Amino acid sequence: GLASSIALCLWPSEVASVARAAPGCVVLMKASRHLLSSPSLRGALLSLVADRCGAATAEAVLLAERGQMRQRLPWPRWQDALVVLQHCGLAVHQERRAMQV
């Protein structure tokens, strides 16, 4: 439906902003979570993170955010990339090296 089409165009932080601005947009949050459960979309997002950061890891995302690659990053906030990694089954918060960057 329409919510899925909109959610597909937004990063998680953008979906959350819309949901905060319009409390009736619970459907958009559900659509976003549903889309992130799609194996094909997760694969594409992992490839995007790896392409832009050098690897699909929290450490690579944080290093890219701090480095010269920042201009190439497609997400509005680095947390968006970590949310994507988390939805793809990666243990983002267990990467000790990443959290020390």
Protein backbone atom coordinates (compact mmCIF):
# COMPACT_ATOMS: atom_id res chain seq x y z
CA GLY A 1 0.00 0.00 0.00
CA LEU A 2 0.86 3.65 0.23
CA ALA A 3 2.61 3.29 3.61
CA SER A 4 5.00 0.68 2.18
CA SER A 5 5.79 2.88 -0.81
CA ILE A 6 6.58 5.81 1.46
CA ALA A 7 8.56 3.71 3.95
CA LEU A 8 10.70 2.32 1.13
CA CYS A 9 11.92 5.85 0.37
CA LEU A 10 12.84 6.73 3.95
CA TRP A 11 15.63 5.83 6.36
CA PRO A 12 14.60 4.65 9.86
CA SER A 13 15.27 8.05 11.46
CA GLU A 14 13.07 9.73 8.85
CA VAL A 15 10.24 7.25 9.47
CA ALA A 16 10.55 7.97 13.21
CA SER A 17 10.40 11.74 12.58
CA VAL A 18 7.24 11.40 10.50
CA ALA A 19 5.68 9.16 13.14
CA ARG A 20 6.49 11.69 15.89
CA ALA A 21 5.03 14.54 13.85
CA ALA A 22 1.88 12.61 12.98
CA PRO A 23 1.00 10.18 15.78
CA GLY A 24 -1.54 8.48 13.53
CA CYS A 25 1.27 7.19 11.29
CA VAL A 26 1.67 3.91 13.15
CA VAL A 27 1.06 2.19 9.83
CA LEU A 28 4.22 3.80 8.43
CA MET A 29 6.33 2.43 11.31
CA LYS A 30 4.86 -1.04 10.79
CA ALA A 31 5.49 -0.84 7.05
CA SER A 32 9.10 0.17 7.65
CA ARG A 33 9.70 -2.75 10.04
CA HIS A 34 8.04 -5.10 7.57
CA LEU A 35 10.24 -3.87 4.72
CA LEU A 36 13.37 -4.35 6.83
CA SER A 37 12.34 -7.98 7.32
CA SER A 38 12.57 -8.63 3.57
CA PRO A 39 15.68 -10.72 2.77
CA SER A 40 16.14 -9.08 -0.64
CA LEU A 41 15.95 -5.57 0.79
CA ARG A 42 18.30 -6.48 3.64
CA GLY A 43 20.79 -7.86 1.14
CA ALA A 44 20.64 -4.69 -0.93
CA LEU A 45 21.07 -2.52 2.18
CA LEU A 46 24.04 -4.58 3.40
CA SER A 47 25.64 -4.17 -0.03
CA LEU A 48 25.02 -0.42 0.12
CA VAL A 49 26.61 -0.13 3.58
CA ALA A 50 29.60 -2.23 2.49
CA ASP A 51 30.02 -0.22 -0.71
CA ARG A 52 29.90 3.15 1.02
CA CYS A 53 31.84 2.24 4.19
CA GLY A 54 34.22 -0.48 3.00
CA ALA A 55 32.48 -3.19 5.07
CA ALA A 56 29.06 -3.94 6.51
CA THR A 57 30.12 -3.51 10.13
CA ALA A 58 29.43 -0.98 12.86
CA GLU A 59 33.13 -0.14 13.01
CA ALA A 60 33.23 0.63 9.28
CA VAL A 61 30.12 2.83 9.55
CA LEU A 62 31.54 4.85 12.43
CA LEU A 63 34.93 5.23 10.75
CA ALA A 64 33.25 6.36 7.52
CA GLU A 65 31.16 8.87 9.46
CA ARG A 66 34.26 10.38 11.02
CA GLY A 67 36.38 10.20 7.88
CA GLN A 68 36.52 11.64 4.43
CA MET A 69 33.86 9.23 3.14
CA ARG A 70 31.14 11.13 5.06
CA GLN A 71 30.02 12.98 1.91
CA ARG A 72 29.31 9.62 0.18
CA LEU A 73 27.02 8.32 2.89
CA PRO A 74 23.38 8.13 1.76
CA TRP A 75 21.75 8.07 5.19
CA PRO A 76 20.89 11.21 7.15
CA ARG A 77 22.31 9.87 10.44
CA TRP A 78 24.95 7.23 11.13
CA GLN A 79 22.47 5.54 13.47
CA ASP A 80 20.38 4.65 10.41
CA ALA A 81 23.17 2.44 9.11
CA LEU A 82 23.47 0.74 12.50
CA VAL A 83 19.70 0.11 12.57
CA VAL A 84 19.98 -1.48 9.12
CA LEU A 85 22.87 -3.67 10.27
CA GLN A 86 20.91 -4.67 13.35
CA HIS A 87 17.84 -5.62 11.28
CA CYS A 88 20.15 -7.69 9.08
CA GLY A 89 21.07 -9.77 12.12
CA LEU A 90 24.45 -8.27 12.94
CA ALA A 91 25.26 -7.80 16.62
CA VAL A 92 26.03 -4.09 16.32
CA HIS A 93 26.40 -3.36 20.02
CA GLN A 94 28.69 -6.31 20.57
CA GLU A 95 31.35 -4.88 18.27
CA ARG A 96 33.59 -3.51 21.00
CA ARG A 97 36.07 -1.95 18.57
CA ALA A 98 33.28 -0.03 16.85
CA MET A 99 32.11 1.58 20.05
CA GLN A 100 35.66 2.75 20.77
CA VAL A 101 36.02 4.61 17.46
